[in-house]
């Protein structure tokens, strides 16, 4: 009953909560403060990924039942479905915030970075050096500069490339602070989940069958789904759909492939089935989705 009273904050709510977003494209948002967010002391659940880089001061919050304190030159990663309560900050608190959709996260995962991702699920606060902080702030400042100077902005793909570099450097910096022996301590379920996410993150993968992934991981579909629920509160089928849709969106928006070529690339037997799949997950036909997102501009 109490779970039902937890306020749900979706990605579509972000522009309504922030009145001073520095960058926004519907899937990725950048901001530089949290003071304008109402109801921070209430219990709420986020349905997206949040990264907070603390420049000055201290941030304290309860994340999934555990109190975390994030000091200057530290960062906090909040995974989707995380429950947050009791957010407080010092008077001199300054930060940079990046919010992104869960499926955008899949585009940044590769084998070398997966250890960082797994570590963050259990240890969301990471202390960094000043040079690492400065680098990440420069990415933020570059995005803001390009937004403020549209004549120097050569399209959404340029912005996404900057965001991609930001994510890679962020996770690479986190890797430097990890105990390289942590991988040996992962339990079987952790290993299975990690391997499954890596398979999903492989852009050449077009498989939409839970059983096929389970067979490749040498587990049953039921066990794979239970592992996914434990780590992400989503089924294996949900995660597969997220990865597939993420890849489809990339091809629709950032490639010159025809709709038919994309359908073939993604392993759909016919164009009609592909169109129905896209409408189900994106709410528009492939052609209309391209037009609605300024494809080619």
Protein backbone atom coordinates (compact mmCIF):
# COMPACT_ATOMS: atom_id res chain seq x y z
CA UNK A 1 0.00 0.00 0.00
CA UNK A 2 2.76 2.44 0.96
CA UNK A 3 4.56 1.62 -2.31
CA UNK A 4 1.57 3.03 -4.21
CA UNK A 5 1.99 6.37 -2.46
CA UNK A 6 5.49 6.89 -3.79
CA UNK A 7 5.46 9.71 -6.33
CA UNK A 8 6.59 8.57 -9.77
CA UNK A 9 8.77 10.97 -11.76
CA UNK A 10 9.06 10.17 -15.46
CA UNK A 11 11.36 11.64 -18.08
CA UNK A 12 8.47 13.73 -19.43
CA UNK A 13 8.18 15.38 -16.01
CA UNK A 14 11.73 16.74 -16.06
CA UNK A 15 11.05 19.90 -18.15
CA UNK A 16 8.13 20.71 -15.84
CA UNK A 17 10.32 20.37 -12.73
CA UNK A 18 13.28 22.35 -14.07
CA UNK A 19 12.75 25.90 -15.28
CA UNK A 20 16.39 26.41 -16.20
CA UNK A 21 17.47 23.35 -18.18
CA UNK A 22 20.77 24.00 -19.93
CA UNK A 23 20.26 21.24 -22.51
CA UNK A 24 17.25 19.13 -23.45
CA UNK A 25 16.50 16.80 -26.36
CA UNK A 26 13.76 14.64 -24.87
CA UNK A 27 16.10 11.85 -23.76
CA UNK A 28 19.04 13.71 -22.23
CA UNK A 29 18.86 16.76 -19.95
CA UNK A 30 21.56 18.91 -18.34
CA UNK A 31 20.99 21.28 -15.42
CA UNK A 32 23.14 23.00 -12.78
CA UNK A 33 21.03 23.06 -9.62
CA UNK A 34 18.35 21.21 -7.68
CA UNK A 35 16.91 24.12 -5.72
CA UNK A 36 14.06 24.57 -8.21
CA UNK A 37 12.79 21.01 -7.78
CA UNK A 38 9.66 20.95 -5.59
CA UNK A 39 9.06 18.37 -2.90
CA UNK A 40 12.63 17.20 -2.42
CA UNK A 41 11.88 16.05 1.13
CA UNK A 42 9.11 13.74 -0.04
CA UNK A 43 9.51 10.14 -1.16
CA UNK A 44 9.71 9.69 -4.91
CA UNK A 45 10.91 7.20 -7.52
CA UNK A 46 12.74 8.19 -10.70
CA UNK A 47 12.15 6.31 -13.95
CA UNK A 48 15.39 7.43 -15.55
CA UNK A 49 19.13 7.65 -14.80
CA UNK A 50 20.55 10.64 -12.91
CA UNK A 51 24.18 11.69 -12.59
CA UNK A 52 25.08 14.45 -10.10
CA UNK A 53 28.57 15.97 -10.04
CA UNK A 54 29.17 17.97 -6.83
CA UNK A 55 31.33 21.05 -7.44
CA UNK A 56 31.02 22.58 -3.97
CA UNK A 57 29.29 21.83 -0.70
CA UNK A 58 27.54 18.64 0.36
CA UNK A 59 24.48 16.69 -0.79
CA UNK A 60 22.78 14.15 1.49
CA UNK A 61 19.92 11.84 0.56
CA UNK A 62 18.38 8.46 1.30
CA UNK A 63 18.71 6.24 -1.76
CA UNK A 64 16.86 2.90 -1.66
CA UNK A 65 16.96 2.89 2.14
CA UNK A 66 20.63 3.85 2.49
CA UNK A 67 21.82 7.34 3.44
CA UNK A 68 24.54 8.70 1.17
CA UNK A 69 26.61 11.87 1.59
CA UNK A 70 28.16 13.31 -1.56
CA UNK A 71 30.93 15.82 -0.90
CA UNK A 72 32.84 18.22 -3.12
CA UNK A 73 34.64 16.50 -6.03
CA UNK A 74 32.40 13.45 -5.75
CA UNK A 75 29.64 12.16 -7.96
CA UNK A 76 26.37 10.33 -7.44
CA UNK A 77 24.69 7.95 -9.87
CA UNK A 78 20.99 7.18 -9.38
CA UNK A 79 19.70 4.20 -11.35
CA UNK A 80 16.17 4.02 -12.77
CA UNK A 81 13.50 2.83 -10.32
CA UNK A 82 15.55 4.15 -7.39
CA UNK A 83 13.52 5.42 -4.44
CA UNK A 84 14.74 8.72 -3.00
CA UNK A 85 13.83 10.47 0.26
CA UNK A 86 15.17 13.24 2.51
CA UNK A 87 17.23 15.22 0.02
CA UNK A 88 19.22 17.95 1.74
CA UNK A 89 22.17 20.11 0.73
CA UNK A 90 24.47 22.71 2.28
CA UNK A 91 24.06 26.41 1.56
CA UNK A 92 27.18 26.46 -0.62
CA UNK A 93 26.08 23.45 -2.66
CA UNK A 94 26.83 23.63 -6.40
CA UNK A 95 26.52 20.81 -8.92
CA UNK A 96 26.11 19.68 -12.51
CA UNK A 97 23.30 17.27 -13.31
CA UNK A 98 22.82 14.90 -16.24
CA UNK A 99 19.52 13.05 -16.66
CA UNK A 100 19.04 10.44 -19.36
CA UNK A 101 16.55 7.79 -20.38
CA UNK A 102 17.32 4.17 -19.50
CA UNK A 103 17.62 3.10 -23.12
CA UNK A 104 20.19 5.82 -23.76
CA UNK A 105 22.31 4.10 -21.12
CA UNK A 106 22.54 1.00 -23.30
CA UNK A 107 24.33 2.95 -26.03
CA UNK A 108 27.22 3.73 -23.65
CA UNK A 109 27.90 0.19 -22.37
CA UNK A 110 30.74 -1.95 -23.66
CA UNK A 111 32.90 -4.67 -22.19
CA UNK A 112 35.56 -2.36 -20.81
CA UNK A 113 32.98 -0.20 -19.03
CA UNK A 114 30.65 -2.88 -17.67
CA UNK A 115 32.63 -3.20 -14.43
CA UNK A 116 31.94 0.49 -13.77
CA UNK A 117 28.22 0.00 -14.35
CA UNK A 118 28.01 -2.99 -12.01
CA UNK A 119 29.99 -1.16 -9.34
CA UNK A 120 27.72 1.87 -9.50
CA UNK A 121 24.64 -0.24 -8.83
CA UNK A 122 26.05 -1.13 -5.42
CA UNK A 123 28.23 1.93 -4.75
CA UNK A 124 26.56 5.02 -6.24
CA UNK A 125 28.99 7.59 -4.75
CA UNK A 126 32.42 7.96 -6.37
CA UNK A 127 35.20 10.33 -5.24
CA UNK A 128 37.21 11.86 -8.07
CA UNK A 129 40.32 13.95 -8.54
CA UNK A 130 40.22 17.61 -9.47
CA UNK A 131 41.43 16.95 -13.04
CA UNK A 132 38.64 14.41 -13.55
CA UNK A 133 36.05 16.86 -12.24
CA UNK A 134 37.41 19.63 -14.48
CA UNK A 135 37.17 17.38 -17.55
CA UNK A 136 33.53 16.48 -16.93
CA UNK A 137 32.61 20.12 -16.25
CA UNK A 138 34.22 21.11 -19.57
CA UNK A 139 31.92 18.69 -21.40
CA UNK A 140 28.95 20.28 -19.63
CA UNK A 141 30.15 23.78 -20.47
CA UNK A 142 30.68 22.80 -24.11
CA UNK A 143 27.09 21.59 -24.42
CA UNK A 144 25.78 24.78 -22.84
CA UNK A 145 27.97 26.91 -25.13
CA UNK A 146 26.65 25.16 -28.24
CA UNK A 147 23.06 25.60 -27.03
CA UNK A 148 23.72 29.31 -26.49
CA UNK A 149 25.29 29.62 -29.96
CA UNK A 150 22.95 27.82 -32.38
CA UNK A 151 24.91 29.13 -35.35
CA UNK A 152 27.75 26.84 -34.19
CA UNK A 153 25.51 23.84 -33.60
CA UNK A 154 25.61 21.46 -36.56
CA UNK A 155 22.73 19.20 -35.57
CA UNK A 156 21.58 16.76 -32.93
CA UNK A 157 24.18 14.16 -33.89
CA UNK A 158 26.98 16.55 -32.85
CA UNK A 159 25.34 17.03 -29.46
CA UNK A 160 24.87 13.29 -29.00
CA UNK A 161 28.54 12.70 -29.86
CA UNK A 162 29.56 15.13 -27.10
CA UNK A 163 27.22 13.37 -24.65
CA UNK A 164 28.62 9.99 -25.68
CA UNK A 165 32.19 11.19 -25.05
CA UNK A 166 31.07 12.59 -21.70
CA UNK A 167 29.59 9.21 -20.71
CA UNK A 168 32.67 7.26 -21.82
CA UNK A 169 35.07 9.53 -19.96
CA UNK A 170 32.84 9.44 -16.88
CA UNK A 171 32.77 5.65 -16.75
CA UNK A 172 36.46 5.40 -17.63
CA UNK A 173 37.31 7.71 -14.71
CA UNK A 174 35.18 5.58 -12.41
CA UNK A 175 37.07 2.50 -13.58
CA UNK A 176 40.28 4.04 -12.26
CA UNK A 177 38.86 4.09 -8.73
CA UNK A 178 37.68 0.48 -8.65
CA UNK A 179 39.31 -2.49 -7.01
CA UNK A 180 40.26 -4.70 -9.94
CA UNK A 181 39.57 -7.77 -7.77
CA UNK A 182 35.90 -6.88 -7.35
CA UNK A 183 35.02 -8.91 -10.45
CA UNK A 184 36.12 -12.13 -8.75
CA UNK A 185 33.67 -11.48 -5.91
CA UNK A 186 30.57 -11.20 -8.11
CA UNK A 187 27.90 -13.78 -7.40
CA UNK A 188 26.51 -15.99 -10.16
CA UNK A 189 23.41 -13.84 -10.59
CA UNK A 190 25.58 -10.72 -10.92
CA UNK A 191 27.70 -12.42 -13.56
CA UNK A 192 24.67 -13.58 -15.53
CA UNK A 193 23.12 -10.12 -15.44
CA UNK A 194 26.38 -8.48 -16.50
CA UNK A 195 26.84 -10.88 -19.42
CA UNK A 196 23.21 -10.39 -20.46
CA UNK A 197 23.54 -6.59 -20.49
CA UNK A 198 26.72 -6.88 -22.55
CA UNK A 199 24.89 -9.00 -25.10
CA UNK A 200 22.12 -6.40 -25.26
CA UNK A 201 24.63 -3.58 -25.63
CA UNK A 202 26.15 -5.24 -28.68
CA UNK A 203 24.75 -3.13 -31.52
CA UNK A 204 25.02 -6.08 -33.91
CA UNK A 205 22.54 -8.07 -31.80
CA UNK A 206 18.98 -8.09 -33.15
CA UNK A 207 17.70 -11.04 -31.16
CA UNK A 208 14.35 -10.45 -29.45
CA UNK A 209 13.95 -13.90 -27.89
CA UNK A 210 14.44 -14.38 -24.13
CA UNK A 211 15.04 -18.10 -24.71
CA UNK A 212 17.86 -17.44 -27.18
CA UNK A 213 19.68 -15.22 -24.69
CA UNK A 214 19.05 -17.72 -21.88
CA UNK A 215 20.46 -20.55 -24.03
CA UNK A 216 23.57 -18.50 -24.79
CA UNK A 217 24.03 -17.85 -21.06
CA UNK A 218 23.34 -21.52 -20.22
CA UNK A 219 20.42 -20.72 -17.92
CA UNK A 220 16.67 -21.11 -18.15
CA UNK A 221 14.48 -18.20 -19.36
CA UNK A 222 12.77 -18.22 -15.95
CA UNK A 223 16.10 -17.86 -14.11
CA UNK A 224 17.28 -15.09 -16.47
CA UNK A 225 14.06 -13.16 -15.88
CA UNK A 226 14.37 -13.57 -12.10
CA UNK A 227 17.96 -12.24 -12.21
CA UNK A 228 16.83 -9.25 -14.28
CA UNK A 229 13.98 -8.48 -11.89
CA UNK A 230 16.38 -8.56 -8.95
CA UNK A 231 18.88 -6.18 -10.54
CA UNK A 232 16.60 -3.83 -12.46
CA UNK A 233 12.96 -4.52 -11.50
CA UNK A 234 12.38 -5.31 -15.18
CA UNK A 235 11.89 -8.61 -16.97
CA UNK A 236 14.42 -9.93 -19.48
CA UNK A 237 11.84 -9.23 -22.19
CA UNK A 238 11.55 -5.59 -21.06
CA UNK A 239 15.32 -5.11 -21.19
CA UNK A 240 15.54 -6.73 -24.61
CA UNK A 241 12.85 -4.38 -25.93
CA UNK A 242 14.67 -1.38 -24.45
CA UNK A 243 17.91 -2.34 -26.19
CA UNK A 244 16.20 -3.08 -29.52
CA UNK A 245 14.23 0.17 -29.48
CA UNK A 246 17.37 2.12 -28.57
CA UNK A 247 19.15 0.69 -31.63
CA UNK A 248 16.14 1.36 -33.87
CA UNK A 249 16.04 4.98 -32.73
CA UNK A 250 19.75 5.38 -33.48
CA UNK A 251 19.30 4.04 -37.02
CA UNK A 252 16.16 6.09 -37.67
CA UNK A 253 17.69 9.36 -36.51
CA UNK A 254 21.39 9.07 -37.28
CA UNK A 255 21.74 6.88 -40.38
CA UNK A 256 20.87 7.28 -44.05
CA UNK A 257 19.43 3.78 -44.22
CA UNK A 258 15.91 3.42 -45.63
CA UNK A 259 13.10 2.11 -43.41
CA UNK A 260 13.25 -1.20 -45.26
CA UNK A 261 17.02 -1.44 -44.76
CA UNK A 262 16.64 -0.73 -41.03
CA UNK A 263 13.93 -3.39 -40.72
CA UNK A 264 16.24 -5.91 -42.39
CA UNK A 265 19.21 -4.81 -40.27
CA UNK A 266 17.17 -5.34 -37.10
CA UNK A 267 16.02 -8.80 -38.13
CA UNK A 268 12.34 -8.11 -38.84
CA UNK A 269 10.78 -10.49 -41.36
CA UNK A 270 8.71 -7.83 -43.09
CA UNK A 271 8.17 -4.08 -43.19
CA UNK A 272 4.66 -4.29 -41.79
CA UNK A 273 5.78 -6.10 -38.62
CA UNK A 274 8.61 -3.59 -38.18
CA UNK A 275 6.17 -0.69 -38.51
CA UNK A 276 3.85 -2.18 -35.88
CA UNK A 277 6.78 -2.77 -33.51
CA UNK A 278 7.97 0.85 -33.86
CA UNK A 279 4.46 2.25 -33.35
CA UNK A 280 4.00 0.09 -30.26
CA UNK A 281 7.21 1.32 -28.60
CA UNK A 282 7.61 4.85 -30.01
CA UNK A 283 4.00 5.82 -30.65
CA UNK A 284 4.68 6.76 -34.29
CA UNK A 285 5.41 5.00 -37.56
CA UNK A 286 9.12 4.88 -38.54
CA UNK A 287 8.67 7.66 -41.13
CA UNK A 288 6.66 9.87 -38.79
CA UNK A 289 9.19 9.34 -36.00
CA UNK A 290 11.95 10.54 -38.30
CA UNK A 291 9.98 13.63 -39.31
CA UNK A 292 8.95 14.42 -35.73
CA UNK A 293 12.61 14.40 -34.65
CA UNK A 294 13.92 16.60 -37.47
CA UNK A 295 15.70 13.76 -39.25
CA UNK A 296 18.24 15.05 -41.75
CA UNK A 297 18.47 18.56 -40.28
